[in-house]
Amino acid sequence: MAEKGWEVDLTGAKQNTGMWLVKVPKYLSQQWAKSTGRGEVGKLRIAKNQGKSEVSFTLNEELASIHDATGKLSSISAPREHPFVLQSVGQTLTVFTESSSGTPEDKSDSNKTDKLAMEGIVVQRAECRAAASESYMKLKRMHIEITSKPVRLSKQLDKAVTTNYKPVADHQYNIESERRKKEEGKRARGEKQQVLNMLFSAFEKHQYYTIKDLVDITKQPVNYLKDILREICTYNAKGTHKSTWELMPEYRHYQGEEKSD
């Protein structure tokens, strides 16, 4: 059933044109595609043998040349002889062609309609097969080698590549991180009161400190020091003194006008 906006030409149905539906090997269709503008692609032979039809196709000799994966002409040629295996249709099959009355730019125009034409009814199904021959076996072997070839190959270099990224044993930020972990591991936790005394003594000199400065002063592990700082200090996440610690108001002994950075 035609879609809305389509015209169907049924001239082929009136003429009762019989057509063949033939399945061909992929390599054969590829060779046919090379014959654009060159004339015939081969010859079809239909004969009778003891009342049975025998059909075969012979590929044109000029189209038997095969190119390898690199595009070069190969010494292997495509088989030329292809017998047909005839099959029953089994159901009603019809061949249609599609044509447009306008250009691709006119597709949005409702006045421009596409047209379907019925070319005929399939009266015979067949499968085109290559005859068992040495050329066919060589062709299949070449196809297997091409498909089994890995996409990526390893290659040994004669000299170091200096234009691309060079692999390193370890990155600098990993080295720094490991160094900090080792230093912190060597630091023993002091008594809490001793650490508090060192912190109060430091905050008597300055109001704001970064965690790095306090680690250098107290020589304590970072996580242990942060736990103590959360009890007596406030962390400035923004503002002028961003990323610094200062004492909570109840622990300060100085006045606002005496604050120093």
C-alpha atoms as a PDB file:
ATOM      1  CA  MET A   1       0.000   0.000   0.000  1.00  0.00           C
ATOM      2  CA  ALA A   2       1.409   3.362  -1.041  1.00  0.00           C
ATOM      3  CA  GLU A   3       1.992   6.081   1.521  1.00  0.00           C
ATOM      4  CA  LYS A   4       0.247   9.426   1.323  1.00  0.00           C
ATOM      5  CA  GLY A   5       1.711  11.640  -1.401  1.00  0.00           C
ATOM      6  CA  TRP A   6       3.040   8.750  -3.522  1.00  0.00           C
ATOM      7  CA  GLU A   7       1.939   7.746  -7.020  1.00  0.00           C
ATOM      8  CA  VAL A   8       2.199   4.124  -8.109  1.00  0.00           C
ATOM      9  CA  ASP A   9       2.737   3.251 -11.765  1.00  0.00           C
ATOM     10  CA  LEU A  10       1.219  -0.186 -12.387  1.00  0.00           C
ATOM     11  CA  THR A  11       2.269  -0.493 -16.005  1.00  0.00           C
ATOM     12  CA  GLY A  12       4.571  -3.380 -15.086  1.00  0.00           C
ATOM     13  CA  ALA A  13       1.649  -5.274 -13.571  1.00  0.00           C
ATOM     14  CA  LYS A  14      -0.337  -4.949 -16.792  1.00  0.00           C
ATOM     15  CA  GLN A  15       2.602  -6.179 -18.853  1.00  0.00           C
ATOM     16  CA  ASN A  16       3.068  -9.126 -16.448  1.00  0.00           C
ATOM     17  CA  THR A  17       6.870  -8.802 -16.685  1.00  0.00           C
ATOM     18  CA  GLY A  18       8.672 -11.764 -15.124  1.00  0.00           C
ATOM     19  CA  MET A  19      11.881 -10.991 -13.157  1.00  0.00           C
ATOM     20  CA  TRP A  20      14.616 -13.021 -11.469  1.00  0.00           C
ATOM     21  CA  LEU A  21      15.780 -12.443  -7.902  1.00  0.00           C
ATOM     22  CA  VAL A  22      19.440 -13.540  -7.719  1.00  0.00           C
ATOM     23  CA  LYS A  23      21.778 -13.574  -4.708  1.00  0.00           C
ATOM     24  CA  VAL A  24      25.423 -12.983  -5.692  1.00  0.00           C
ATOM     25  CA  PRO A  25      28.714 -13.135  -3.717  1.00  0.00           C
ATOM     26  CA  LYS A  26      29.988  -9.872  -2.272  1.00  0.00           C
ATOM     27  CA  TYR A  27      33.209  -9.890  -4.287  1.00  0.00           C
ATOM     28  CA  LEU A  28      31.187 -10.288  -7.497  1.00  0.00           C
ATOM     29  CA  SER A  29      29.042  -7.234  -6.758  1.00  0.00           C
ATOM     30  CA  GLN A  30      32.229  -5.286  -5.979  1.00  0.00           C
ATOM     31  CA  GLN A  31      33.681  -6.253  -9.349  1.00  0.00           C
ATOM     32  CA  TRP A  32      30.449  -5.204 -11.070  1.00  0.00           C
ATOM     33  CA  ALA A  33      30.683  -1.804  -9.399  1.00  0.00           C
ATOM     34  CA  LYS A  34      34.018  -1.250 -11.172  1.00  0.00           C
ATOM     35  CA  SER A  35      32.392  -1.636 -14.567  1.00  0.00           C
ATOM     36  CA  THR A  36      30.620   1.730 -14.516  1.00  0.00           C
ATOM     37  CA  GLY A  37      30.648   3.029 -18.068  1.00  0.00           C
ATOM     38  CA  ARG A  38      32.595   0.003 -19.374  1.00  0.00           C
ATOM     39  CA  GLY A  39      29.732  -1.919 -20.950  1.00  0.00           C
ATOM     40  CA  GLU A  40      28.888  -5.535 -20.121  1.00  0.00           C
ATOM     41  CA  VAL A  41      29.944  -7.215 -16.875  1.00  0.00           C
ATOM     42  CA  GLY A  42      29.653 -10.755 -18.196  1.00  0.00           C
ATOM     43  CA  LYS A  43      27.476 -13.239 -20.013  1.00  0.00           C
ATOM     44  CA  LEU A  44      24.522 -15.281 -18.779  1.00  0.00           C
ATOM     45  CA  ARG A  45      24.037 -18.735 -20.265  1.00  0.00           C
ATOM     46  CA  ILE A  46      20.746 -20.634 -19.999  1.00  0.00           C
ATOM     47  CA  ALA A  47      20.627 -24.197 -21.313  1.00  0.00           C
ATOM     48  CA  LYS A  48      18.507 -27.328 -21.019  1.00  0.00           C
ATOM     49  CA  ASN A  49      19.953 -30.602 -19.778  1.00  0.00           C
ATOM     50  CA  GLN A  50      17.609 -33.606 -19.648  1.00  0.00           C
ATOM     51  CA  GLY A  51      14.655 -31.289 -19.315  1.00  0.00           C
ATOM     52  CA  LYS A  52      16.218 -29.242 -16.509  1.00  0.00           C
ATOM     53  CA  SER A  53      17.390 -25.666 -16.850  1.00  0.00           C
ATOM     54  CA  GLU A  54      21.065 -24.977 -16.259  1.00  0.00           C
ATOM     55  CA  VAL A  55      22.050 -21.368 -15.740  1.00  0.00           C
ATOM     56  CA  SER A  56      25.589 -19.996 -15.352  1.00  0.00           C
ATOM     57  CA  PHE A  57      27.255 -16.597 -15.389  1.00  0.00           C
ATOM     58  CA  THR A  58      30.693 -15.862 -16.820  1.00  0.00           C
ATOM     59  CA  LEU A  59      32.426 -12.754 -15.493  1.00  0.00           C
ATOM     60  CA  ASN A  60      34.073 -10.463 -18.001  1.00  0.00           C
ATOM     61  CA  GLU A  61      37.818 -11.105 -18.112  1.00  0.00           C
ATOM     62  CA  GLU A  62      38.610  -7.408 -17.588  1.00  0.00           C
ATOM     63  CA  LEU A  63      36.739  -7.442 -14.273  1.00  0.00           C
ATOM     64  CA  ALA A  64      38.511 -10.517 -12.901  1.00  0.00           C
ATOM     65  CA  SER A  65      41.460  -8.476 -11.578  1.00  0.00           C
ATOM     66  CA  ILE A  66      41.573  -8.235  -7.761  1.00  0.00           C
ATOM     67  CA  HIS A  67      43.266  -5.537  -5.671  1.00  0.00           C
ATOM     68  CA  ASP A  68      44.728  -6.307  -2.251  1.00  0.00           C
ATOM     69  CA  ALA A  69      44.191  -4.383   1.004  1.00  0.00           C
ATOM     70  CA  THR A  70      46.816  -1.769   0.012  1.00  0.00           C
ATOM     71  CA  GLY A  71      45.074  -1.055  -3.292  1.00  0.00           C
ATOM     72  CA  LYS A  72      47.735  -2.737  -5.412  1.00  0.00           C
ATOM     73  CA  LEU A  73      46.886  -5.167  -8.188  1.00  0.00           C
ATOM     74  CA  SER A  74      47.076  -8.706  -6.817  1.00  0.00           C
ATOM     75  CA  SER A  75      48.281 -11.788  -8.632  1.00  0.00           C
ATOM     76  CA  ILE A  76      45.049 -13.471  -7.530  1.00  0.00           C
ATOM     77  CA  SER A  77      42.107 -13.122  -9.895  1.00  0.00           C
ATOM     78  CA  ALA A  78      38.406 -13.548  -9.217  1.00  0.00           C
ATOM     79  CA  PRO A  79      36.762 -16.757 -10.462  1.00  0.00           C
ATOM     80  CA  ARG A  80      34.920 -16.208 -13.722  1.00  0.00           C
ATOM     81  CA  GLU A  81      32.523 -19.149 -13.820  1.00  0.00           C
ATOM     82  CA  HIS A  82      29.473 -18.970 -11.534  1.00  0.00           C
ATOM     83  CA  PRO A  83      26.727 -21.606 -11.802  1.00  0.00           C
ATOM     84  CA  PHE A  84      23.234 -20.739 -10.589  1.00  0.00           C
ATOM     85  CA  VAL A  85      21.326 -22.776  -8.010  1.00  0.00           C
ATOM     86  CA  LEU A  86      17.656 -22.328  -8.919  1.00  0.00           C
ATOM     87  CA  GLN A  87      15.083 -22.086  -6.158  1.00  0.00           C
ATOM     88  CA  SER A  88      11.304 -21.894  -6.053  1.00  0.00           C
ATOM     89  CA  VAL A  89       9.755 -18.506  -5.357  1.00  0.00           C
ATOM     90  CA  GLY A  90       7.358 -19.799  -2.709  1.00  0.00           C
ATOM     91  CA  GLN A  91       5.550 -16.479  -2.340  1.00  0.00           C
ATOM     92  CA  THR A  92       4.519 -13.483  -4.374  1.00  0.00           C
ATOM     93  CA  LEU A  93       7.421 -11.025  -4.701  1.00  0.00           C
ATOM     94  CA  THR A  94       7.203  -7.772  -6.623  1.00  0.00           C
ATOM     95  CA  VAL A  95       9.943  -5.395  -7.755  1.00  0.00           C
ATOM     96  CA  PHE A  96       9.380  -1.645  -7.399  1.00  0.00           C
ATOM     97  CA  THR A  97      11.511   1.341  -8.371  1.00  0.00           C
ATOM     98  CA  GLU A  98      11.368   4.797  -6.820  1.00  0.00           C
ATOM     99  CA  SER A  99      11.791   8.101  -8.605  1.00  0.00           C
ATOM    100  CA  SER A 100      11.347  11.741  -7.602  1.00  0.00           C
ATOM    101  CA  SER A 101       9.696  14.432  -9.639  1.00  0.00           C
ATOM    102  CA  GLY A 102      11.697  17.202  -7.950  1.00  0.00           C
ATOM    103  CA  THR A 103      15.203  17.979  -6.707  1.00  0.00           C
ATOM    104  CA  PRO A 104      16.350  17.097  -3.159  1.00  0.00           C
ATOM    105  CA  GLU A 105      15.785  20.751  -2.206  1.00  0.00           C
ATOM    106  CA  ASP A 106      12.122  20.437  -3.217  1.00  0.00           C
ATOM    107  CA  LYS A 107      11.362  17.626  -0.766  1.00  0.00           C
ATOM    108  CA  SER A 108       9.586  20.017   1.584  1.00  0.00           C
ATOM    109  CA  ASP A 109       7.331  21.244  -1.217  1.00  0.00           C
ATOM    110  CA  SER A 110       3.944  19.542  -0.957  1.00  0.00           C
ATOM    111  CA  ASN A 111       3.444  19.910  -4.739  1.00  0.00           C
ATOM    112  CA  LYS A 112       6.498  17.709  -5.411  1.00  0.00           C
ATOM    113  CA  THR A 113       5.610  14.015  -5.029  1.00  0.00           C
ATOM    114  CA  ASP A 114       7.667  10.846  -5.300  1.00  0.00           C
ATOM    115  CA  LYS A 115       6.602   8.070  -7.625  1.00  0.00           C
ATOM    116  CA  LEU A 116       6.724   4.306  -7.278  1.00  0.00           C
ATOM    117  CA  ALA A 117       6.710   2.102 -10.345  1.00  0.00           C
ATOM    118  CA  MET A 118       5.996  -1.595 -10.427  1.00  0.00           C
ATOM    119  CA  GLU A 119       8.584  -3.219 -12.689  1.00  0.00           C
ATOM    120  CA  GLY A 120       7.392  -6.802 -12.543  1.00  0.00           C
ATOM    121  CA  ILE A 121       6.800  -9.963 -10.527  1.00  0.00           C
ATOM    122  CA  VAL A 122       9.564 -12.309  -9.372  1.00  0.00           C
ATOM    123  CA  VAL A 123       9.123 -15.596 -11.236  1.00  0.00           C
ATOM    124  CA  GLN A 124      12.448 -17.198 -10.357  1.00  0.00           C
ATOM    125  CA  ARG A 125      14.835 -17.123  -7.395  1.00  0.00           C
ATOM    126  CA  ALA A 126      18.452 -18.202  -7.706  1.00  0.00           C
ATOM    127  CA  GLU A 127      21.773 -18.147  -5.940  1.00  0.00           C
ATOM    128  CA  CYS A 128      24.904 -17.336  -7.896  1.00  0.00           C
ATOM    129  CA  ARG A 129      27.833 -19.383  -6.590  1.00  0.00           C
ATOM    130  CA  ALA A 130      31.475 -19.516  -7.588  1.00  0.00           C
ATOM    131  CA  ALA A 131      32.583 -22.767  -9.145  1.00  0.00           C
ATOM    132  CA  ALA A 132      35.076 -24.733  -7.062  1.00  0.00           C
ATOM    133  CA  SER A 133      38.402 -23.782  -8.581  1.00  0.00           C
ATOM    134  CA  GLU A 134      41.937 -22.869  -7.587  1.00  0.00           C
ATOM    135  CA  SER A 135      41.315 -19.145  -8.165  1.00  0.00           C
ATOM    136  CA  TYR A 136      38.311 -19.217  -5.824  1.00  0.00           C
ATOM    137  CA  MET A 137      40.330 -20.947  -3.082  1.00  0.00           C
ATOM    138  CA  LYS A 138      43.117 -18.375  -3.403  1.00  0.00           C
ATOM    139  CA  LEU A 139      40.573 -15.553  -3.217  1.00  0.00           C
ATOM    140  CA  LYS A 140      39.008 -16.960  -0.032  1.00  0.00           C
ATOM    141  CA  ARG A 141      42.464 -17.428   1.498  1.00  0.00           C
ATOM    142  CA  MET A 142      43.316 -13.787   0.779  1.00  0.00           C
ATOM    143  CA  HIS A 143      40.047 -12.598   2.359  1.00  0.00           C
ATOM    144  CA  ILE A 144      40.697 -14.696   5.470  1.00  0.00           C
ATOM    145  CA  GLU A 145      44.210 -13.277   5.816  1.00  0.00           C
ATOM    146  CA  ILE A 146      42.918  -9.705   5.458  1.00  0.00           C
ATOM    147  CA  THR A 147      40.128 -10.126   8.034  1.00  0.00           C
ATOM    148  CA  SER A 148      42.365 -11.954  10.527  1.00  0.00           C
ATOM    149  CA  LYS A 149      45.114  -9.348  10.351  1.00  0.00           C
ATOM    150  CA  PRO A 150      45.161  -7.336  13.607  1.00  0.00           C
ATOM    151  CA  VAL A 151      44.334  -3.660  13.354  1.00  0.00           C
ATOM    152  CA  ARG A 152      47.181  -2.672  15.695  1.00  0.00           C
ATOM    153  CA  LEU A 153      50.661  -4.111  15.521  1.00  0.00           C
ATOM    154  CA  SER A 154      53.627  -3.803  17.886  1.00  0.00           C
ATOM    155  CA  LYS A 155      56.815  -2.436  16.399  1.00  0.00           C
ATOM    156  CA  GLN A 156      60.341  -2.335  17.800  1.00  0.00           C
ATOM    157  CA  LEU A 157      61.889   1.131  17.764  1.00  0.00           C
ATOM    158  CA  ASP A 158      65.515   1.664  16.821  1.00  0.00           C
ATOM    159  CA  LYS A 159      65.780   4.952  18.703  1.00  0.00           C
ATOM    160  CA  ALA A 160      63.867   6.852  21.333  1.00  0.00           C
ATOM    161  CA  VAL A 161      60.886   8.923  20.232  1.00  0.00           C
ATOM    162  CA  THR A 162      61.452  12.529  21.264  1.00  0.00           C
ATOM    163  CA  THR A 163      58.447  14.177  19.636  1.00  0.00           C
ATOM    164  CA  ASN A 164      55.718  12.420  21.614  1.00  0.00           C
ATOM    165  CA  TYR A 165      54.872  11.856  25.258  1.00  0.00           C
ATOM    166  CA  LYS A 166      57.638  10.111  27.182  1.00  0.00           C
ATOM    167  CA  PRO A 167      56.624   7.603  29.868  1.00  0.00           C
ATOM    168  CA  VAL A 168      58.084   8.202  33.312  1.00  0.00           C
ATOM    169  CA  ALA A 169      58.622   5.854  36.223  1.00  0.00           C
ATOM    170  CA  ASP A 170      56.527   8.044  38.501  1.00  0.00           C
ATOM    171  CA  HIS A 171      54.916  11.463  38.342  1.00  0.00           C
ATOM    172  CA  GLN A 172      56.117  14.364  40.443  1.00  0.00           C
ATOM    173  CA  TYR A 173      52.886  14.754  42.398  1.00  0.00           C
ATOM    174  CA  ASN A 174      53.041  11.061  43.372  1.00  0.00           C
ATOM    175  CA  ILE A 175      56.611  11.510  44.556  1.00  0.00           C
ATOM    176  CA  GLU A 176      55.638  14.530  46.683  1.00  0.00           C
ATOM    177  CA  SER A 177      52.668  12.661  48.128  1.00  0.00           C
ATOM    178  CA  GLU A 178      54.814   9.699  49.116  1.00  0.00           C
ATOM    179  CA  ARG A 179      57.408  12.024  50.670  1.00  0.00           C
ATOM    180  CA  ARG A 180      54.754  13.718  52.818  1.00  0.00           C
ATOM    181  CA  LYS A 181      53.389  10.352  53.927  1.00  0.00           C
ATOM    182  CA  LYS A 182      56.844   9.220  55.009  1.00  0.00           C
ATOM    183  CA  GLU A 183      57.475  12.437  56.949  1.00  0.00           C
ATOM    184  CA  GLU A 184      54.125  12.194  58.697  1.00  0.00           C
ATOM    185  CA  GLY A 185      54.754   8.573  59.506  1.00  0.00           C
ATOM    186  CA  LYS A 186      57.983   9.509  61.308  1.00  0.00           C
ATOM    187  CA  ARG A 187      56.229  12.106  63.453  1.00  0.00           C
ATOM    188  CA  ALA A 188      55.067  10.750  66.772  1.00  0.00           C
ATOM    189  CA  ARG A 189      51.924  12.128  68.299  1.00  0.00           C
ATOM    190  CA  GLY A 190      52.651  14.344  71.247  1.00  0.00           C
ATOM    191  CA  GLU A 191      50.482  14.720  74.307  1.00  0.00           C
ATOM    192  CA  LYS A 192      47.401  16.786  73.590  1.00  0.00           C
ATOM    193  CA  GLN A 193      48.173  19.364  76.261  1.00  0.00           C
ATOM    194  CA  GLN A 194      51.696  19.892  74.915  1.00  0.00           C
ATOM    195  CA  VAL A 195      50.295  20.425  71.435  1.00  0.00           C
ATOM    196  CA  LEU A 196      47.740  22.907  72.813  1.00  0.00           C
ATOM    197  CA  ASN A 197      50.488  24.832  74.568  1.00  0.00           C
ATOM    198  CA  MET A 198      52.483  25.074  71.335  1.00  0.00           C
ATOM    199  CA  LEU A 199      49.382  26.255  69.436  1.00  0.00           C
ATOM    200  CA  PHE A 200      48.460  28.919  72.010  1.00  0.00           C
ATOM    201  CA  SER A 201      52.056  30.109  72.054  1.00  0.00           C
ATOM    202  CA  ALA A 202      52.037  30.407  68.269  1.00  0.00           C
ATOM    203  CA  PHE A 203      48.731  32.290  68.175  1.00  0.00           C
ATOM    204  CA  GLU A 204      50.138  34.826  70.645  1.00  0.00           C
ATOM    205  CA  LYS A 205      52.497  35.921  67.860  1.00  0.00           C
ATOM    206  CA  HIS A 206      50.109  35.825  64.896  1.00  0.00           C
ATOM    207  CA  GLN A 207      46.365  35.581  64.482  1.00  0.00           C
ATOM    208  CA  TYR A 208      46.223  33.487  61.290  1.00  0.00           C
ATOM    209  CA  TYR A 209      48.140  30.336  60.299  1.00  0.00           C
ATOM    210  CA  THR A 210      47.940  27.845  57.463  1.00  0.00           C
ATOM    211  CA  ILE A 211      47.910  24.150  58.278  1.00  0.00           C
ATOM    212  CA  LYS A 212      51.370  23.817  56.739  1.00  0.00           C
ATOM    213  CA  ASP A 213      52.767  26.458  59.094  1.00  0.00           C
ATOM    214  CA  LEU A 214      51.176  24.795  62.139  1.00  0.00           C
ATOM    215  CA  VAL A 215      52.570  21.377  61.104  1.00  0.00           C
ATOM    216  CA  ASP A 216      56.048  22.892  60.873  1.00  0.00           C
ATOM    217  CA  ILE A 217      55.637  24.483  64.325  1.00  0.00           C
ATOM    218  CA  THR A 218      54.165  21.508  66.194  1.00  0.00           C
ATOM    219  CA  LYS A 219      55.822  18.651  64.214  1.00  0.00           C
ATOM    220  CA  GLN A 220      52.581  16.674  64.506  1.00  0.00           C
ATOM    221  CA  PRO A 221      50.757  14.477  61.925  1.00  0.00           C
ATOM    222  CA  VAL A 222      48.277  16.498  59.880  1.00  0.00           C
ATOM    223  CA  ASN A 223      45.142  14.532  60.777  1.00  0.00           C
ATOM    224  CA  TYR A 224      45.965  14.524  64.487  1.00  0.00           C
ATOM    225  CA  LEU A 225      46.667  18.264  64.423  1.00  0.00           C
ATOM    226  CA  LYS A 226      43.420  19.039  62.586  1.00  0.00           C
ATOM    227  CA  ASP A 227      41.412  17.175  65.227  1.00  0.00           C
ATOM    228  CA  ILE A 228      42.901  19.422  67.932  1.00  0.00           C
ATOM    229  CA  LEU A 229      42.484  22.579  65.848  1.00  0.00           C
ATOM    230  CA  ARG A 230      38.766  21.917  65.416  1.00  0.00           C
ATOM    231  CA  GLU A 231      38.360  22.145  69.199  1.00  0.00           C
ATOM    232  CA  ILE A 232      39.966  25.561  69.636  1.00  0.00           C
ATOM    233  CA  CYS A 233      40.103  27.167  66.193  1.00  0.00           C
ATOM    234  CA  THR A 234      37.929  28.297  63.321  1.00  0.00           C
ATOM    235  CA  TYR A 235      38.815  27.549  59.702  1.00  0.00           C
ATOM    236  CA  ASN A 236      38.430  30.438  57.234  1.00  0.00           C
ATOM    237  CA  ALA A 237      37.099  28.922  53.994  1.00  0.00           C
ATOM    238  CA  LYS A 238      36.743  32.314  52.258  1.00  0.00           C
ATOM    239  CA  GLY A 239      37.503  35.956  52.659  1.00  0.00           C
ATOM    240  CA  THR A 240      40.782  37.823  53.008  1.00  0.00           C
ATOM    241  CA  HIS A 241      42.374  35.090  55.133  1.00  0.00           C
ATOM    242  CA  LYS A 242      41.138  32.139  53.111  1.00  0.00           C
ATOM    243  CA  SER A 243      42.512  28.661  53.973  1.00  0.00           C
ATOM    244  CA  THR A 244      43.824  29.749  57.386  1.00  0.00           C
ATOM    245  CA  TRP A 245      43.057  28.886  61.004  1.00  0.00           C
ATOM    246  CA  GLU A 246      42.432  31.308  63.883  1.00  0.00           C
ATOM    247  CA  LEU A 247      41.502  30.907  67.538  1.00  0.00           C
ATOM    248  CA  MET A 248      37.867  30.882  68.569  1.00  0.00           C
ATOM    249  CA  PRO A 249      36.790  34.119  70.315  1.00  0.00           C
ATOM    250  CA  GLU A 250      36.679  32.451  73.762  1.00  0.00           C
ATOM    251  CA  TYR A 251      40.371  31.520  73.498  1.00  0.00           C
ATOM    252  CA  ARG A 252      41.636  34.915  72.338  1.00  0.00           C
ATOM    253  CA  HIS A 253      43.422  37.103  74.879  1.00  0.00           C
ATOM    254  CA  TYR A 254      43.869  40.169  72.599  1.00  0.00           C
ATOM    255  CA  GLN A 255      41.491  42.994  71.724  1.00  0.00           C
ATOM    256  CA  GLY A 256      40.161  43.633  68.225  1.00  0.00           C
ATOM    257  CA  GLU A 257      42.335  46.709  67.682  1.00  0.00           C
ATOM    258  CA  GLU A 258      45.467  44.771  68.634  1.00  0.00           C
ATOM    259  CA  LYS A 259      44.993  42.030  66.011  1.00  0.00           C
ATOM    260  CA  SER A 260      47.909  41.552  63.664  1.00  0.00           C
ATOM    261  CA  ASP A 261      48.267  39.474  60.553  1.00  0.00           C
END
